[in-house]
Amino acid sequence: KKEEDWQQREATVGDLLRDLVARYGHAFERWVIKDGDLWDLVIVLVNGHDVRHLQRFNTPLAPADTVVIFPPVGGG
């Protein structure tokens, strides 16, 4: 899905991803979460900042934040 509006008070990236897994199922979970943590091949940005360099799943979200999720990409 190209874009989705999601709002929850006092939310984190983990809350958002868990909600998306509940909505889109195991296929979504498989390429976002690995061994209970954010899969390192997936890039999640909050307002242009990579959550791997912030607090990962615990990165807080505000209502005006923009979250972008880039799936793993292969090629050669």
N, C-alpha and C. Protein backbone atom coordinates (compact mmCIF):
# COMPACT_ATOMS: atom_id res chain seq x y z
N LYS A 1 0.85 -1.16 0.00
CA LYS A 1 0.00 0.00 0.00
C LYS A 1 0.90 1.23 0.00
N LYS A 2 0.58 2.18 -0.80
CA LYS A 2 1.43 3.36 -0.94
C LYS A 2 1.39 4.26 0.29
N GLU A 3 0.21 4.47 0.84
CA GLU A 3 0.09 5.40 1.96
C GLU A 3 -1.05 4.98 2.86
N GLU A 4 -0.89 5.23 4.16
CA GLU A 4 -1.92 4.90 5.12
C GLU A 4 -1.87 5.91 6.25
N ASP A 5 -3.03 6.33 6.71
CA ASP A 5 -3.10 7.27 7.83
C ASP A 5 -3.33 6.45 9.09
N TRP A 6 -2.46 6.62 10.09
CA TRP A 6 -2.53 5.85 11.33
C TRP A 6 -2.31 6.80 12.48
N GLN A 7 -3.16 6.73 13.47
CA GLN A 7 -3.01 7.61 14.63
C GLN A 7 -3.31 6.84 15.91
N GLN A 8 -2.41 7.02 16.85
CA GLN A 8 -2.57 6.41 18.17
C GLN A 8 -1.78 7.28 19.14
N ARG A 9 -2.36 7.59 20.26
CA ARG A 9 -1.66 8.42 21.25
C ARG A 9 -0.50 7.66 21.87
N GLU A 10 0.58 8.38 22.11
CA GLU A 10 1.77 7.83 22.77
C GLU A 10 2.21 6.51 22.12
N ALA A 11 2.37 6.55 20.84
CA ALA A 11 2.73 5.36 20.08
C ALA A 11 4.23 5.28 19.83
N THR A 12 4.67 4.07 19.48
CA THR A 12 6.05 3.83 19.10
C THR A 12 6.07 3.16 17.73
N VAL A 13 7.24 3.05 17.15
CA VAL A 13 7.39 2.33 15.89
C VAL A 13 6.93 0.88 16.07
N GLY A 14 7.24 0.29 17.21
CA GLY A 14 6.81 -1.08 17.48
C GLY A 14 5.30 -1.21 17.47
N ASP A 15 4.59 -0.23 18.06
CA ASP A 15 3.13 -0.24 18.05
C ASP A 15 2.61 -0.20 16.62
N LEU A 16 3.18 0.67 15.82
CA LEU A 16 2.76 0.80 14.43
C LEU A 16 2.99 -0.52 13.68
N LEU A 17 4.18 -1.10 13.82
CA LEU A 17 4.48 -2.33 13.10
C LEU A 17 3.60 -3.49 13.56
N ARG A 18 3.31 -3.57 14.85
CA ARG A 18 2.42 -4.63 15.34
C ARG A 18 1.01 -4.45 14.76
N ASP A 19 0.54 -3.21 14.67
CA ASP A 19 -0.77 -2.96 14.07
C ASP A 19 -0.78 -3.34 12.59
N LEU A 20 0.31 -3.03 11.89
CA LEU A 20 0.39 -3.38 10.47
C LEU A 20 0.46 -4.89 10.27
N VAL A 21 1.16 -5.58 11.16
CA VAL A 21 1.21 -7.05 11.09
C VAL A 21 -0.19 -7.62 11.31
N ALA A 22 -0.92 -7.07 12.28
CA ALA A 22 -2.29 -7.54 12.54
C ALA A 22 -3.18 -7.29 11.32
N ARG A 23 -2.95 -6.20 10.63
CA ARG A 23 -3.78 -5.85 9.47
C ARG A 23 -3.39 -6.63 8.23
N TYR A 24 -2.07 -6.79 7.98
CA TYR A 24 -1.61 -7.37 6.72
C TYR A 24 -1.07 -8.79 6.84
N GLY A 25 -0.98 -9.31 8.06
CA GLY A 25 -0.68 -10.72 8.25
C GLY A 25 0.79 -11.12 8.24
N HIS A 26 0.95 -12.43 8.16
CA HIS A 26 2.27 -13.05 8.28
C HIS A 26 3.23 -12.62 7.16
N ALA A 27 2.72 -12.41 5.97
CA ALA A 27 3.60 -12.01 4.86
C ALA A 27 4.29 -10.68 5.17
N PHE A 28 3.55 -9.74 5.74
CA PHE A 28 4.15 -8.45 6.12
C PHE A 28 5.15 -8.66 7.26
N GLU A 29 4.75 -9.43 8.24
CA GLU A 29 5.62 -9.69 9.39
C GLU A 29 6.94 -10.31 8.96
N ARG A 30 6.88 -11.24 8.01
CA ARG A 30 8.07 -11.97 7.57
C ARG A 30 9.15 -11.06 7.01
N TRP A 31 8.76 -9.96 6.33
CA TRP A 31 9.81 -9.12 5.77
C TRP A 31 10.11 -7.89 6.59
N VAL A 32 9.46 -7.72 7.76
CA VAL A 32 9.75 -6.58 8.61
C VAL A 32 10.41 -6.99 9.92
N ILE A 33 10.01 -8.14 10.46
CA ILE A 33 10.49 -8.55 11.78
C ILE A 33 11.23 -9.87 11.66
N LYS A 34 12.40 -9.94 12.31
CA LYS A 34 13.18 -11.18 12.32
C LYS A 34 13.66 -11.41 13.75
N ASP A 35 13.36 -12.58 14.27
CA ASP A 35 13.75 -12.95 15.63
C ASP A 35 13.27 -11.93 16.67
N GLY A 36 12.07 -11.41 16.48
CA GLY A 36 11.47 -10.50 17.44
C GLY A 36 11.98 -9.08 17.39
N ASP A 37 12.81 -8.75 16.42
CA ASP A 37 13.35 -7.40 16.30
C ASP A 37 13.18 -6.94 14.86
N LEU A 38 13.44 -5.69 14.63
CA LEU A 38 13.38 -5.14 13.29
C LEU A 38 14.44 -5.79 12.42
N TRP A 39 14.01 -6.31 11.27
CA TRP A 39 14.94 -6.95 10.36
C TRP A 39 15.86 -5.89 9.77
N ASP A 40 17.16 -6.11 9.82
CA ASP A 40 18.13 -5.10 9.40
C ASP A 40 18.09 -4.79 7.91
N LEU A 41 17.47 -5.64 7.09
CA LEU A 41 17.37 -5.36 5.67
C LEU A 41 16.22 -4.42 5.34
N VAL A 42 15.34 -4.18 6.31
CA VAL A 42 14.22 -3.26 6.13
C VAL A 42 14.62 -1.91 6.69
N ILE A 43 14.32 -0.87 5.96
CA ILE A 43 14.62 0.48 6.42
C ILE A 43 13.32 1.14 6.83
N VAL A 44 13.27 1.60 8.08
CA VAL A 44 12.13 2.33 8.59
C VAL A 44 12.63 3.72 8.98
N LEU A 45 12.05 4.73 8.35
CA LEU A 45 12.43 6.11 8.62
C LEU A 45 11.29 6.84 9.32
N VAL A 46 11.63 7.61 10.34
CA VAL A 46 10.67 8.50 10.98
C VAL A 46 11.17 9.91 10.73
N ASN A 47 10.42 10.65 9.95
CA ASN A 47 10.81 12.02 9.58
C ASN A 47 12.22 12.05 8.98
N GLY A 48 12.54 11.03 8.19
CA GLY A 48 13.82 10.96 7.51
C GLY A 48 14.96 10.37 8.31
N HIS A 49 14.69 9.94 9.54
CA HIS A 49 15.74 9.38 10.41
C HIS A 49 15.53 7.86 10.54
N ASP A 50 16.58 7.12 10.30
CA ASP A 50 16.56 5.65 10.36
C ASP A 50 16.39 5.21 11.81
N VAL A 51 15.33 4.43 12.10
CA VAL A 51 15.07 4.01 13.48
C VAL A 51 16.13 3.07 14.01
N ARG A 52 16.93 2.46 13.12
CA ARG A 52 18.02 1.61 13.59
C ARG A 52 19.07 2.43 14.33
N HIS A 53 19.10 3.74 14.05
CA HIS A 53 20.05 4.64 14.72
C HIS A 53 19.36 5.45 15.82
N LEU A 54 18.09 5.15 16.06
CA LEU A 54 17.35 5.80 17.13
C LEU A 54 17.07 4.73 18.19
N GLN A 55 15.81 4.48 18.48
CA GLN A 55 15.45 3.50 19.51
C GLN A 55 14.75 2.28 18.94
N ARG A 56 14.96 2.03 17.64
CA ARG A 56 14.38 0.88 16.96
C ARG A 56 12.87 0.78 17.22
N PHE A 57 12.37 -0.33 17.77
CA PHE A 57 10.94 -0.49 18.04
C PHE A 57 10.42 0.53 19.05
N ASN A 58 11.29 1.01 19.93
CA ASN A 58 10.87 1.93 20.99
C ASN A 58 10.92 3.40 20.56
N THR A 59 11.22 3.67 19.30
CA THR A 59 11.25 5.04 18.81
C THR A 59 9.84 5.62 18.93
N PRO A 60 9.71 6.73 19.68
CA PRO A 60 8.37 7.32 19.87
C PRO A 60 7.87 7.97 18.58
N LEU A 61 6.55 7.96 18.42
CA LEU A 61 5.91 8.60 17.28
C LEU A 61 4.94 9.68 17.78
N ALA A 62 4.94 10.80 17.08
CA ALA A 62 4.00 11.89 17.33
C ALA A 62 2.97 11.91 16.19
N PRO A 63 1.80 12.49 16.43
CA PRO A 63 0.75 12.48 15.39
C PRO A 63 1.19 13.06 14.04
N ALA A 64 2.08 14.02 14.02
CA ALA A 64 2.48 14.64 12.75
C ALA A 64 3.68 13.95 12.09
N ASP A 65 4.22 12.89 12.70
CA ASP A 65 5.38 12.20 12.13
C ASP A 65 5.03 11.48 10.83
N THR A 66 6.01 11.39 9.97
CA THR A 66 5.89 10.62 8.74
C THR A 66 6.79 9.40 8.85
N VAL A 67 6.22 8.23 8.66
CA VAL A 67 6.97 6.98 8.74
C VAL A 67 7.01 6.38 7.33
N VAL A 68 8.21 6.01 6.90
CA VAL A 68 8.39 5.38 5.59
C VAL A 68 9.04 4.03 5.82
N ILE A 69 8.48 3.00 5.19
CA ILE A 69 9.01 1.64 5.33
C ILE A 69 9.46 1.17 3.95
N PHE A 70 10.76 0.86 3.83
CA PHE A 70 11.32 0.34 2.60
C PHE A 70 11.56 -1.15 2.75
N PRO A 71 10.93 -1.98 1.95
CA PRO A 71 11.14 -3.43 2.05
C PRO A 71 12.51 -3.82 1.54
N PRO A 72 12.96 -5.04 1.88
CA PRO A 72 14.24 -5.50 1.36
C PRO A 72 14.19 -5.57 -0.16
N VAL A 73 15.29 -5.19 -0.77
CA VAL A 73 15.38 -5.17 -2.22
C VAL A 73 16.61 -5.97 -2.63
N GLY A 74 16.46 -6.81 -3.62
CA GLY A 74 17.60 -7.58 -4.12
C GLY A 74 17.87 -7.24 -5.56
N GLY A 75 19.02 -7.57 -5.98
CA GLY A 75 19.37 -7.33 -7.39
C GLY A 75 20.85 -7.52 -7.59
N GLY A 76 21.25 -7.26 -8.75
CA GLY A 76 22.67 -7.43 -8.99
C GLY A 76 23.07 -6.93 -10.34
